[in-house]
Amino acid sequence: MKRILAIIFIVGCLSAAPHPQAVQSAHNIIKVFSNQSSKKHISDDLRIIARFGHSLPEEMKNELRSLGFNFDGPIVNRSSLDERTEASGLDETYDNGKFRFHYTTTGSNAVTTADTNSNSVPDYIDQMSAELNYVVAVELTFNSFTEPPSDDFYSANNDNGGSGAYDVYVRNAGAGVYGYVQPELYANNNGNNEHSSGVNEVNAIASYMVLRHNYSGFGNTELENIQVTAAHEYFHAVQFGYDGWEESWVMEATAVQMEEMVYDDVNDCYQYMSSWFNSPHQSLNLDSQNRWYGSFIFFEYVNSHLSDEAIREFWEHSITHDSYYGEYSVQTLDEAFDDLGSSFAGMLNGMSVANRIMSSSSAAAPFDYEEANTYSANLSTYNTVSYSAGTDETVTSTNLQENAAQYIRLTSDDPVLATLANNDGPDSYLELHAIMTYGDSALTVWSGSPINVDPTDPSTVYFVVVSQNDAGSDFDYTLTFTDGAMSTDPEIPDKFSISHTYPNPFNPQTNIQIDLQNPQRVQVYIYDINGQIVKTLVNDQLVAGQYVFTWNGQNYQGLPVSTGTYFVRIKGKNQERWQKVTLLK
């Protein structure tokens, strides 16, 4: 029924105003395929045209038709006269069981003819075959993603490449284009991926891939370009097997993150970091291709600190949230992360803190990145506050977007109380964190509002304001700085405080003393340096008072943990604290 409705909708769009995304994507594609642009990435443009292309004005359709586009079916694709446009001029094929490669050794699309193993297949094609097989092993076998739909169901008047294998066309893809995936038909004519089990997709789409005949003039080595392009584009094919109409930002961000997962040492994704970190106030899901690719850092953080199954969980959940009819990516991420014991807001806040710390050190856990020391990231600071006792200072922002962060540096010789207020919407839309780093590379992160900071010990203090809700644009805020209290002052205006953790280092046990000023639910967790929960000490509603919780150096199973660094996380109603402890044996 949904597919019938989708077709009716498309027909109805024939007389409607052109979809703005389709118009922009059509402009992009016309320039690329007319050799007037060096745009690197076009898969999403092709996907937008596939979905909204029927709404384009007739003159623009005709330009696309001249480039091989076909508007006769429910999905606008590049099949013309029963032949895929990309098949033109490619007179050779090679099958490796999973893929069929279409290529030529003559003309403008020729691959090099070197054949060192004398198997009558160019080494270039052999290399692509080996890398795509490896991509399949990592993405499908190791990470358990569902195989993309086959084109074996195609009718006789459709070019399916000659078999049910996934088709890869190796040719000149455009001046700057790494490669692309072309969505073609709803899987099995009903949007259901035959490779999935126990689910009934409605927006699964069969597709094919184009890779370049050479990568001359591109950065990295030719092999590295083949590797990251294969990992990225094949994952688009995988995505199409779940929900081909998912939001663009998550399509591209997870495809870039997959480059890192499959080929961790290439680091082609670093090229997207600079502009992304220069604008942390811009939404994670901003409608901008430059933003989409850099947003892979969110999924890098999620994979490292939640689960390497998180991205698959998202795509599995996407099946039940039909993105043909709305933007559900954040809701879907929240549901997926909930299955893994977290939330979208939790991961967003964690990443926002980690982006300020930017460390590969275990001392930064659980806010570390494995490769932080090599990242080309220069995080922009929104404001710097120099505070003196007896004065009031404010920082006001009117440009913080949804699912984004701003960073304020504090310099002061006096204790400071920082209080955050949302000027337009609920305070729950915003979260405040204080990051205090010390000369020995240790750090403390406090969360909530207000936060009392005694800056006499830390070498640097940063506040992070995170818009953790996508309900609207109500993220204008004021951060107020007033006189605080010394850390030794029993009258610190706080919701709760950690009096001390003792002994530290410890063996065989350590005590965590907490003072509650108000009744509230308190959670105390122990984490290892990889960000995994080792043990829960308490998760209960407590009355005001002083409490001492003891950790005996054992995990959930009652087994002793190994020597090393651990983190105590204390979470109250409105605040959160982290404390590092060291177990010595």
Protein backbone atom coordinates (compact mmCIF):
# COMPACT_ATOMS: atom_id res chain seq x y z
CA MET A 1 0.00 0.00 0.00
CA LYS A 2 2.82 2.45 0.85
CA ARG A 3 4.43 1.81 -2.48
CA ILE A 4 1.16 2.53 -4.30
CA LEU A 5 0.81 5.73 -2.30
CA ALA A 6 4.37 6.69 -3.15
CA ILE A 7 3.69 6.28 -6.86
CA ILE A 8 0.48 8.31 -6.57
CA PHE A 9 2.46 11.01 -4.75
CA ILE A 10 5.04 11.13 -7.51
CA VAL A 11 2.40 11.43 -10.19
CA GLY A 12 0.79 14.23 -8.19
CA CYS A 13 4.13 16.05 -8.10
CA LEU A 14 4.16 16.33 -11.88
CA SER A 15 2.15 19.50 -11.66
CA ALA A 16 3.53 20.68 -8.32
CA ALA A 17 6.34 23.16 -7.74
CA PRO A 18 9.83 21.74 -8.23
CA HIS A 19 11.34 20.30 -5.06
CA PRO A 20 14.17 22.68 -4.05
CA GLN A 21 16.56 19.84 -3.19
CA ALA A 22 15.89 18.25 -6.57
CA VAL A 23 16.60 21.51 -8.39
CA GLN A 24 19.94 21.97 -6.62
CA SER A 25 20.92 18.33 -7.12
CA ALA A 26 19.97 18.51 -10.79
CA HIS A 27 22.19 21.60 -11.21
CA ASN A 28 25.05 19.72 -9.53
CA ILE A 29 24.66 16.60 -11.67
CA ILE A 30 24.30 18.50 -14.95
CA LYS A 31 27.56 20.32 -14.22
CA VAL A 32 29.39 17.15 -13.19
CA PHE A 33 28.32 15.04 -16.16
CA SER A 34 28.93 17.97 -18.51
CA ASN A 35 32.50 18.28 -17.15
CA GLN A 36 31.78 21.74 -15.75
CA SER A 37 32.36 20.83 -12.09
CA SER A 38 34.92 18.97 -10.02
CA LYS A 39 32.42 18.02 -7.29
CA LYS A 40 33.76 14.94 -5.46
CA HIS A 41 30.59 13.35 -4.11
CA ILE A 42 27.37 12.91 -6.06
CA SER A 43 25.66 9.79 -4.66
CA ASP A 44 23.27 11.88 -2.59
CA ASP A 45 22.51 14.16 -5.53
CA LEU A 46 21.57 11.08 -7.56
CA ARG A 47 19.45 9.83 -4.66
CA ILE A 48 17.62 13.17 -4.37
CA ILE A 49 16.91 13.16 -8.11
CA ALA A 50 15.77 9.54 -7.88
CA ARG A 51 13.20 10.54 -5.27
CA PHE A 52 12.14 14.06 -6.30
CA GLY A 53 13.18 14.26 -9.95
CA HIS A 54 9.62 14.00 -11.25
CA SER A 55 8.91 17.45 -9.82
CA LEU A 56 11.63 19.13 -11.92
CA PRO A 57 10.66 21.56 -14.68
CA GLU A 58 10.54 19.99 -18.14
CA GLU A 59 13.55 21.88 -19.48
CA MET A 60 15.70 20.55 -16.63
CA LYS A 61 14.34 17.04 -17.19
CA ASN A 62 15.36 17.30 -20.84
CA GLU A 63 18.90 18.28 -19.84
CA LEU A 64 19.04 15.23 -17.60
CA ARG A 65 17.55 13.02 -20.32
CA SER A 66 20.39 14.09 -22.60
CA LEU A 67 22.74 12.73 -19.92
CA GLY A 68 20.98 9.36 -19.82
CA PHE A 69 18.33 9.87 -17.13
CA ASN A 70 14.99 8.11 -17.35
CA PHE A 71 11.81 9.58 -15.82
CA ASP A 72 9.39 6.79 -16.79
CA GLY A 73 9.31 4.88 -13.49
CA PRO A 74 8.66 5.70 -9.83
CA ILE A 75 12.43 6.19 -9.32
CA VAL A 76 14.35 8.47 -11.67
CA ASN A 77 17.43 6.55 -12.77
CA ARG A 78 20.03 6.33 -15.55
CA SER A 79 18.61 3.56 -17.68
CA SER A 80 17.82 4.50 -21.25
CA LEU A 81 16.76 2.27 -24.15
CA ASP A 82 17.08 -0.82 -21.97
CA GLU A 83 20.70 -0.05 -21.20
CA ARG A 84 22.28 1.61 -18.22
CA THR A 85 23.97 4.80 -19.28
CA GLU A 86 27.14 3.77 -17.46
CA ALA A 87 27.37 0.55 -19.53
CA SER A 88 28.06 2.48 -22.74
CA GLY A 89 31.49 1.74 -24.18
CA LEU A 90 32.40 -0.92 -21.59
CA ASP A 91 33.00 -4.13 -23.55
CA GLU A 92 34.59 -6.39 -20.93
CA THR A 93 33.25 -8.06 -17.80
CA TYR A 94 34.79 -9.90 -14.88
CA ASP A 95 32.85 -11.84 -12.23
CA ASN A 96 34.22 -12.69 -8.80
CA GLY A 97 31.04 -14.32 -7.48
CA LYS A 98 29.74 -11.32 -5.52
CA PHE A 99 30.42 -8.54 -8.06
CA ARG A 100 30.37 -8.16 -11.83
CA PHE A 101 32.88 -5.57 -13.08
CA HIS A 102 32.23 -3.81 -16.39
CA TYR A 103 35.29 -2.17 -17.94
CA THR A 104 37.26 -1.51 -21.13
CA THR A 105 40.92 -1.31 -22.10
CA THR A 106 40.38 1.15 -24.96
CA GLY A 107 39.15 4.70 -25.34
CA SER A 108 38.54 7.42 -22.74
CA ASN A 109 37.32 4.92 -20.11
CA ALA A 110 40.26 2.54 -20.46
CA VAL A 111 41.92 0.95 -17.45
CA THR A 112 45.61 0.10 -17.62
CA THR A 113 46.23 -3.24 -19.36
CA ALA A 114 48.95 -4.54 -17.03
CA ASP A 115 48.22 -8.18 -16.12
CA THR A 116 51.08 -9.46 -13.97
CA ASN A 117 49.34 -12.70 -12.96
CA SER A 118 48.37 -13.51 -16.58
CA ASN A 119 44.74 -14.22 -15.74
CA SER A 120 43.48 -12.14 -18.69
CA VAL A 121 42.08 -9.57 -16.25
CA PRO A 122 43.81 -6.19 -15.81
CA ASP A 123 45.57 -5.81 -12.47
CA TYR A 124 43.49 -2.70 -11.82
CA ILE A 125 40.29 -4.74 -11.95
CA ASP A 126 41.86 -7.51 -9.86
CA GLN A 127 42.73 -4.91 -7.23
CA MET A 128 39.20 -3.50 -7.18
CA SER A 129 37.83 -7.01 -6.89
CA ALA A 130 40.08 -7.82 -3.93
CA GLU A 131 39.23 -4.59 -2.12
CA LEU A 132 35.47 -4.92 -2.62
CA ASN A 133 35.64 -8.50 -1.36
CA TYR A 134 37.40 -7.19 1.74
CA VAL A 135 34.77 -4.45 2.14
CA VAL A 136 32.04 -7.11 2.02
CA ALA A 137 33.90 -9.19 4.61
CA VAL A 138 34.06 -6.25 7.03
CA GLU A 139 30.68 -4.63 6.41
CA LEU A 140 28.54 -7.74 5.92
CA THR A 141 30.35 -10.65 7.55
CA PHE A 142 32.13 -9.02 10.48
CA ASN A 143 29.65 -6.20 11.20
CA SER A 144 26.53 -8.15 10.17
CA PHE A 145 24.93 -5.56 7.89
CA THR A 146 22.34 -6.95 5.48
CA GLU A 147 23.45 -7.52 1.89
CA PRO A 148 22.06 -5.00 -0.63
CA PRO A 149 19.14 -6.15 -2.81
CA SER A 150 20.01 -8.04 -5.96
CA ASP A 151 18.82 -6.95 -9.42
CA ASP A 152 17.95 -10.55 -10.30
CA PHE A 153 14.24 -9.67 -10.27
CA TYR A 154 14.52 -7.23 -13.19
CA SER A 155 12.23 -7.82 -16.15
CA ALA A 156 13.59 -8.60 -19.59
CA ASN A 157 13.38 -4.98 -20.71
CA ASN A 158 15.68 -3.79 -17.91
CA ASP A 159 19.44 -3.93 -18.02
CA ASN A 160 20.56 -5.79 -14.91
CA GLY A 161 24.18 -6.10 -16.01
CA GLY A 162 23.68 -9.63 -17.23
CA SER A 163 23.41 -11.33 -13.85
CA GLY A 164 22.15 -10.99 -10.29
CA ALA A 165 25.65 -10.02 -9.06
CA TYR A 166 26.16 -6.49 -7.85
CA ASP A 167 27.30 -4.41 -10.83
CA VAL A 168 30.36 -2.15 -10.75
CA TYR A 169 30.97 0.06 -13.79
CA VAL A 170 34.61 1.18 -14.05
CA ARG A 171 34.82 4.34 -16.13
CA ASN A 172 35.53 8.06 -16.19
CA ALA A 173 33.08 9.22 -13.53
CA GLY A 174 33.55 12.99 -13.88
CA ALA A 175 36.43 15.37 -13.21
CA GLY A 176 36.55 15.13 -9.41
CA VAL A 177 34.14 12.31 -8.63
CA TYR A 178 35.55 9.47 -6.50
CA GLY A 179 32.67 7.16 -7.46
CA TYR A 180 28.96 6.88 -6.88
CA VAL A 181 25.98 4.61 -6.36
CA GLN A 182 22.91 4.97 -8.55
CA PRO A 183 19.54 3.95 -7.02
CA GLU A 184 17.51 2.27 -9.71
CA LEU A 185 14.38 0.31 -8.75
CA TYR A 186 12.45 -0.59 -5.63
CA ALA A 187 13.81 -3.97 -4.55
CA ASN A 188 11.68 -6.80 -5.90
CA ASN A 189 9.26 -4.14 -7.16
CA ASN A 190 7.83 -3.80 -3.65
CA GLY A 191 10.69 -2.23 -1.66
CA ASN A 192 11.48 -5.41 0.28
CA ASN A 193 15.10 -6.59 0.50
CA GLU A 194 15.17 -10.34 -0.11
CA HIS A 195 18.37 -10.71 1.91
CA SER A 196 16.84 -9.53 5.18
CA SER A 197 15.25 -11.88 7.68
CA GLY A 198 12.17 -11.26 9.80
CA VAL A 199 11.50 -7.72 8.52
CA ASN A 200 9.55 -6.26 5.62
CA GLU A 201 11.21 -3.18 4.18
CA VAL A 202 9.16 -0.78 2.05
CA ASN A 203 11.95 1.51 0.84
CA ALA A 204 14.74 -0.93 0.02
CA ILE A 205 16.23 0.00 -3.35
CA ALA A 206 18.34 -1.96 -5.82
CA SER A 207 21.36 -0.05 -7.10
CA TYR A 208 24.68 -0.28 -8.91
CA MET A 209 28.08 1.35 -8.42
CA VAL A 210 30.48 3.39 -10.54
CA LEU A 211 34.19 3.52 -9.70
CA ARG A 212 36.86 5.45 -11.55
CA HIS A 213 39.04 3.95 -14.28
CA ASN A 214 41.98 5.70 -12.59
CA TYR A 215 42.61 8.06 -9.69
CA SER A 216 45.30 10.17 -11.28
CA GLY A 217 45.44 13.63 -9.71
CA PHE A 218 43.59 12.61 -6.55
CA GLY A 219 45.15 12.79 -3.09
CA ASN A 220 46.49 9.63 -1.43
CA THR A 221 47.73 6.66 -3.46
CA GLU A 222 45.61 5.05 -6.14
CA LEU A 223 45.12 1.98 -3.95
CA GLU A 224 44.02 4.10 -0.96
CA ASN A 225 41.50 5.94 -3.15
CA ILE A 226 40.10 2.64 -4.38
CA GLN A 227 39.86 1.42 -0.79
CA VAL A 228 38.02 4.33 0.81
CA THR A 229 35.76 4.82 -2.23
CA ALA A 230 34.82 1.13 -2.25
CA ALA A 231 34.05 1.17 1.49
CA HIS A 232 32.05 4.40 1.24
CA GLU A 233 30.04 3.66 -1.89
CA TYR A 234 29.32 0.03 -1.11
CA PHE A 235 27.92 1.16 2.22
CA HIS A 236 25.54 3.41 0.31
CA ALA A 237 24.35 0.26 -1.46
CA VAL A 238 23.93 -1.36 1.98
CA GLN A 239 21.97 1.67 3.23
CA PHE A 240 19.66 1.46 0.20
CA GLY A 241 18.86 -2.08 1.30
CA TYR A 242 17.34 -0.75 4.55
CA ASP A 243 15.81 2.65 3.79
CA GLY A 244 16.86 4.40 0.62
CA TRP A 245 15.10 7.62 1.63
CA GLU A 246 16.86 8.15 4.96
CA GLU A 247 18.07 11.68 5.74
CA SER A 248 21.11 12.79 3.77
CA TRP A 249 23.31 13.69 6.73
CA VAL A 250 23.16 10.27 8.32
CA MET A 251 23.59 8.58 4.93
CA GLU A 252 26.86 10.39 4.30
CA ALA A 253 28.14 10.56 7.88
CA THR A 254 27.82 6.80 8.40
CA ALA A 255 29.33 6.08 4.97
CA VAL A 256 32.38 8.20 5.85
CA GLN A 257 32.64 6.51 9.24
CA MET A 258 32.58 3.18 7.43
CA GLU A 259 35.73 4.26 5.58
CA GLU A 260 37.40 4.50 8.99
CA MET A 261 36.01 1.17 10.12
CA VAL A 262 37.16 -0.73 7.03
CA TYR A 263 40.42 1.11 6.24
CA ASP A 264 41.45 2.73 9.49
CA ASP A 265 44.96 3.69 8.34
CA VAL A 266 44.00 5.68 5.23
CA ASN A 267 42.32 8.60 7.04
CA ASP A 268 40.92 10.23 3.93
CA CYS A 269 38.09 11.45 6.16
CA TYR A 270 40.43 13.92 7.87
CA GLN A 271 39.88 16.30 4.95
CA TYR A 272 36.35 17.02 6.24
CA MET A 273 37.39 17.92 9.79
CA SER A 274 38.69 21.43 9.48
CA SER A 275 35.49 23.13 8.33
CA TRP A 276 33.39 21.00 10.70
CA PHE A 277 35.38 21.94 13.83
CA ASN A 278 35.50 25.57 12.75
CA SER A 279 31.71 25.70 13.15
CA PRO A 280 30.70 23.57 16.15
CA HIS A 281 27.61 25.76 16.62
CA GLN A 282 26.16 24.39 13.38
CA SER A 283 23.80 21.46 13.59
CA LEU A 284 25.11 17.93 13.40
CA ASN A 285 22.35 17.36 10.84
CA LEU A 286 22.62 20.67 9.00
CA ASP A 287 21.42 20.49 5.40
CA SER A 288 24.86 20.98 3.91
CA GLN A 289 27.08 18.46 2.18
CA ASN A 290 30.18 19.94 3.80
CA ARG A 291 28.59 19.28 7.18
CA TRP A 292 27.31 15.80 6.36
CA TYR A 293 30.76 14.34 5.75
CA GLY A 294 32.38 15.93 8.80
CA SER A 295 29.55 14.67 11.00
CA PHE A 296 31.18 11.23 10.79
CA ILE A 297 33.00 12.30 13.98
CA PHE A 298 29.74 11.76 15.88
CA PHE A 299 29.56 8.14 14.77
CA GLU A 300 33.26 7.68 15.41
CA TYR A 301 32.60 8.72 19.01
CA VAL A 302 29.51 6.52 19.23
CA ASN A 303 31.34 3.47 17.90
CA SER A 304 34.23 4.01 20.30
CA HIS A 305 32.24 4.70 23.45
CA LEU A 306 28.91 2.97 23.03
CA SER A 307 29.18 0.02 20.68
CA ASP A 308 30.51 -0.84 17.24
CA GLU A 309 27.01 -2.22 16.67
CA ALA A 310 25.42 1.21 17.02
CA ILE A 311 25.35 2.09 13.31
CA ARG A 312 23.78 -1.26 12.42
CA GLU A 313 21.21 -0.78 15.16
CA PHE A 314 20.30 2.54 13.57
CA TRP A 315 19.80 1.10 10.12
CA GLU A 316 17.73 -1.75 11.47
CA HIS A 317 15.51 0.72 13.32
CA SER A 318 15.25 2.91 10.20
CA ILE A 319 13.09 0.26 8.53
CA THR A 320 10.20 1.02 10.90
CA HIS A 321 10.49 4.81 10.51
CA ASP A 322 9.47 5.49 6.94
CA SER A 323 11.63 8.46 5.96
CA TYR A 324 9.61 8.88 2.79
CA TYR A 325 7.12 10.77 4.94
CA GLY A 326 9.26 12.61 7.49
CA GLU A 327 12.62 13.30 9.10
CA TYR A 328 13.08 10.68 11.77
CA SER A 329 16.84 10.22 11.94
CA VAL A 330 17.36 11.67 15.44
CA GLN A 331 14.38 9.74 16.81
CA THR A 332 15.70 6.58 15.19
CA LEU A 333 19.19 7.14 16.59
CA ASP A 334 17.71 7.66 20.05
CA GLU A 335 15.83 4.36 19.85
CA ALA A 336 18.89 2.53 18.55
CA PHE A 337 21.14 3.92 21.29
CA ASP A 338 18.51 3.15 23.92
CA ASP A 339 18.81 -0.52 22.96
CA LEU A 340 22.51 -0.21 23.80
CA GLY A 341 22.00 1.54 27.12
CA SER A 342 22.38 5.18 26.10
CA SER A 343 20.58 7.92 24.17
CA PHE A 344 21.13 10.32 21.31
CA ALA A 345 21.47 13.22 23.77
CA GLY A 346 23.96 11.24 25.84
CA MET A 347 26.17 10.53 22.86
CA LEU A 348 25.86 14.09 21.55
CA ASN A 349 26.93 15.53 24.90
CA GLY A 350 29.78 13.05 25.18
CA MET A 351 31.07 13.89 21.71
CA SER A 352 30.78 17.62 22.40
CA VAL A 353 32.95 17.28 25.51
CA ALA A 354 35.40 14.99 23.70
CA ASN A 355 35.79 17.51 20.88
CA ARG A 356 37.05 20.10 23.34
CA ILE A 357 39.42 17.72 25.13
CA MET A 358 40.65 16.12 21.88
CA SER A 359 42.97 13.58 23.42
CA SER A 360 44.09 10.03 22.73
CA SER A 361 45.28 9.62 26.31
CA SER A 362 43.61 7.16 28.65
CA ALA A 363 43.48 10.05 31.13
CA ALA A 364 40.77 11.57 28.92
CA ALA A 365 38.53 8.50 29.00
CA PRO A 366 35.62 8.27 28.44
CA PHE A 367 36.02 11.40 26.32
CA ASP A 368 38.94 10.24 24.19
CA TYR A 369 39.41 9.50 20.50
CA GLU A 370 41.79 6.76 19.47
CA GLU A 371 43.38 8.92 16.76
CA ALA A 372 42.91 12.36 18.34
CA ASN A 373 46.65 13.08 18.18
CA THR A 374 46.48 12.89 14.36
CA TYR A 375 43.16 14.68 13.80
CA SER A 376 43.31 17.89 11.78
CA ALA A 377 40.90 19.60 14.18
CA ASN A 378 41.05 23.17 15.47
CA LEU A 379 37.93 23.68 17.56
CA SER A 380 36.50 27.17 17.48
CA THR A 381 35.93 28.99 20.80
CA TYR A 382 32.79 31.11 20.93
CA ASN A 383 33.90 33.45 23.73
CA THR A 384 36.46 33.96 26.47
CA VAL A 385 35.45 35.27 29.90
CA SER A 386 37.96 36.87 32.26
CA TYR A 387 36.33 36.88 35.68
CA SER A 388 37.14 38.83 38.83
CA ALA A 389 35.43 38.46 42.20
CA GLY A 390 32.59 40.88 42.85
CA THR A 391 31.58 41.22 39.21
CA ASP A 392 28.89 39.65 37.05
CA GLU A 393 29.73 38.47 33.55
CA THR A 394 27.39 37.13 30.91
CA VAL A 395 27.75 35.35 27.60
CA THR A 396 24.73 35.43 25.31
CA SER A 397 24.28 33.44 22.13
CA THR A 398 21.63 33.68 19.43
CA ASN A 399 23.17 31.38 16.81
CA LEU A 400 23.43 27.98 18.48
CA GLN A 401 21.67 25.50 16.20
CA GLU A 402 20.02 22.20 17.10
CA ASN A 403 22.27 19.28 18.02
CA ALA A 404 25.35 21.49 18.22
CA ALA A 405 27.71 23.03 20.78
CA GLN A 406 29.49 26.23 21.72
CA TYR A 407 32.62 26.59 23.83
CA ILE A 408 33.42 29.36 26.33
CA ARG A 409 36.81 29.62 27.98
CA LEU A 410 37.04 30.89 31.56
CA THR A 411 40.07 32.61 33.03
CA SER A 412 39.88 33.61 36.68
CA ASP A 413 41.84 33.67 39.90
CA ASP A 414 38.62 33.50 41.90
CA PRO A 415 35.88 30.87 42.35
CA VAL A 416 33.07 31.20 39.83
CA LEU A 417 29.46 30.03 39.75
CA ALA A 418 28.21 29.46 36.19
CA THR A 419 24.46 29.37 35.58
CA LEU A 420 22.84 28.55 32.22
CA ALA A 421 19.42 29.80 31.12
CA ASN A 422 17.56 29.10 27.87
CA ASN A 423 16.15 32.45 26.74
CA ASP A 424 13.48 31.02 24.45
CA GLY A 425 12.68 27.41 25.21
CA PRO A 426 12.77 24.80 27.96
CA ASP A 427 16.01 24.58 29.90
CA SER A 428 16.03 20.84 29.18
CA TYR A 429 16.88 21.65 25.56
CA LEU A 430 20.35 22.72 26.73
CA GLU A 431 23.08 21.02 28.74
CA LEU A 432 26.08 22.69 30.40
CA HIS A 433 29.44 21.04 31.01
CA ALA A 434 32.60 22.32 32.65
CA ILE A 435 35.89 20.79 31.51
CA MET A 436 38.84 21.34 33.84
CA THR A 437 42.26 20.16 32.75
CA TYR A 438 45.36 20.03 34.93
CA GLY A 439 49.06 20.21 34.34
CA ASP A 440 49.46 16.44 34.69
CA SER A 441 46.99 15.85 31.83
CA ALA A 442 44.27 14.81 34.27
CA LEU A 443 40.84 16.28 33.81
CA THR A 444 37.48 16.64 35.50
CA VAL A 445 34.13 17.04 33.74
CA TRP A 446 31.12 18.43 35.60
CA SER A 447 27.68 18.62 34.06
CA GLY A 448 24.51 20.50 34.94
CA SER A 449 23.57 24.00 36.05
CA PRO A 450 24.69 25.78 38.14
CA ILE A 451 28.32 24.64 38.24
CA ASN A 452 30.78 25.94 40.82
CA VAL A 453 34.37 26.12 39.62
CA ASP A 454 37.38 26.86 41.77
CA PRO A 455 39.99 27.69 39.09
CA THR A 456 42.97 27.79 41.41
CA ASP A 457 44.03 24.24 40.52
CA PRO A 458 43.04 23.63 36.86
CA SER A 459 45.32 24.93 34.12
CA THR A 460 42.37 25.49 31.78
CA VAL A 461 38.60 25.70 32.22
CA TYR A 462 36.11 25.46 29.37
CA PHE A 463 32.33 25.50 29.47
CA VAL A 464 30.38 23.64 26.80
CA VAL A 465 26.77 24.47 25.96
CA VAL A 466 25.05 21.69 24.03
CA SER A 467 21.69 21.96 22.29
CA GLN A 468 20.48 18.42 22.81
CA ASN A 469 17.05 18.64 21.25
CA ASP A 470 15.86 18.94 17.64
CA ALA A 471 12.38 20.21 18.48
CA GLY A 472 13.00 23.66 17.09
CA SER A 473 15.32 26.64 17.17
CA ASP A 474 14.89 27.65 20.82
CA PHE A 475 18.54 27.55 21.74
CA ASP A 476 19.31 31.20 22.50
CA TYR A 477 20.93 31.21 25.92
CA THR A 478 22.63 33.30 28.56
CA LEU A 479 25.52 31.93 30.60
CA THR A 480 25.96 34.00 33.77
CA PHE A 481 29.13 34.07 35.88
CA THR A 482 28.94 35.20 39.51
CA ASP A 483 31.01 34.71 42.65
CA GLY A 484 31.45 31.08 43.56
CA ALA A 485 32.98 29.28 46.53
CA MET A 486 36.34 27.72 47.26
CA SER A 487 36.41 24.00 46.70
CA THR A 488 37.02 23.51 50.41
CA ASP A 489 34.01 25.62 51.40
CA PRO A 490 31.21 23.44 52.83
CA GLU A 491 28.68 25.97 51.54
CA ILE A 492 29.42 25.42 47.85
CA PRO A 493 26.10 26.12 46.08
CA ASP A 494 25.74 22.79 44.38
CA LYS A 495 23.10 20.07 43.97
CA PHE A 496 25.54 17.52 45.27
CA SER A 497 29.27 17.29 45.80
CA ILE A 498 31.94 14.62 45.97
CA SER A 499 33.72 15.22 49.22
CA HIS A 500 36.55 12.86 48.32
CA THR A 501 37.44 9.42 47.01
CA TYR A 502 39.75 7.56 49.34
CA PRO A 503 42.16 5.91 49.24
CA ASN A 504 43.29 6.75 45.73
CA PRO A 505 45.30 4.90 44.42
CA PHE A 506 43.67 1.96 46.20
CA ASN A 507 43.94 -1.72 47.00
CA PRO A 508 41.73 -3.59 47.68
CA GLN A 509 38.90 -1.01 47.87
CA THR A 510 38.09 2.69 47.56
CA ASN A 511 35.33 4.80 49.10
CA ILE A 512 33.32 7.48 47.29
CA GLN A 513 31.80 10.06 49.63
CA ILE A 514 28.85 12.07 48.29
CA ASP A 515 26.99 14.92 49.98
CA LEU A 516 23.40 15.46 48.80
CA GLN A 517 21.71 18.77 49.50
CA ASN A 518 18.39 17.65 48.04
CA PRO A 519 16.54 14.33 47.63
CA GLN A 520 17.16 12.89 44.16
CA ARG A 521 17.90 9.73 42.20
CA VAL A 522 21.62 9.02 42.30
CA GLN A 523 23.53 6.68 40.02
CA VAL A 524 27.12 5.67 40.63
CA TYR A 525 28.93 3.67 37.94
CA ILE A 526 32.48 2.38 37.51
CA TYR A 527 33.93 2.58 33.97
CA ASP A 528 37.14 1.16 32.55
CA ILE A 529 39.45 3.21 30.30
CA ASN A 530 37.56 1.97 27.21
CA GLY A 531 34.37 3.57 28.45
CA GLN A 532 32.67 0.26 29.32
CA ILE A 533 30.65 -0.04 32.53
CA VAL A 534 32.39 -2.36 34.98
CA LYS A 535 29.92 -2.13 37.86
CA THR A 536 26.94 -0.16 39.15
CA LEU A 537 27.37 0.82 42.81
CA VAL A 538 23.99 2.50 43.25
CA ASN A 539 20.93 3.44 41.23
CA ASP A 540 18.32 4.62 43.71
CA GLN A 541 16.29 7.52 45.07
CA LEU A 542 18.15 8.98 48.04
CA VAL A 543 17.24 11.56 50.67
CA ALA A 544 19.50 14.52 51.48
CA GLY A 545 22.56 13.62 53.49
CA GLN A 546 26.05 12.18 53.34
CA TYR A 547 26.73 8.77 51.76
CA VAL A 548 29.79 6.59 51.36
CA PHE A 549 29.83 3.96 48.61
CA THR A 550 32.58 1.36 48.45
CA TRP A 551 34.01 -0.32 45.38
CA ASN A 552 36.00 -3.45 46.06
CA GLY A 553 37.71 -3.63 42.67
CA GLN A 554 35.33 -6.29 41.33
CA ASN A 555 33.11 -6.35 38.23
CA TYR A 556 29.46 -7.40 37.81
CA GLN A 557 30.44 -11.06 38.00
CA GLY A 558 32.26 -10.59 41.29
CA LEU A 559 35.64 -11.13 39.61
CA PRO A 560 38.60 -8.87 40.41
CA VAL A 561 39.45 -6.37 37.69
CA SER A 562 42.98 -5.77 36.47
CA THR A 563 45.40 -3.11 37.67
CA GLY A 564 44.88 0.25 35.99
CA THR A 565 42.85 3.44 35.73
CA TYR A 566 39.07 3.51 36.26
CA PHE A 567 36.44 6.24 36.37
CA VAL A 568 33.69 6.85 38.89
CA ARG A 569 30.62 8.47 37.32
CA ILE A 570 28.17 10.05 39.75
CA LYS A 571 24.91 11.21 38.18
CA GLY A 572 22.24 13.17 40.01
CA LYS A 573 19.03 14.85 38.93
CA ASN A 574 20.67 17.83 37.26
CA GLN A 575 24.39 17.22 37.49
CA GLU A 576 27.04 14.72 36.73
CA ARG A 577 30.60 14.19 38.00
CA TRP A 578 33.52 12.04 36.89
CA GLN A 579 36.36 11.03 39.19
CA LYS A 580 39.48 9.08 38.18
CA VAL A 581 40.70 6.30 40.47
CA THR A 582 43.66 3.95 40.17
CA LEU A 583 43.76 0.31 41.27
CA LEU A 584 47.20 -0.97 42.27
CA LYS A 585 48.04 -4.60 42.94
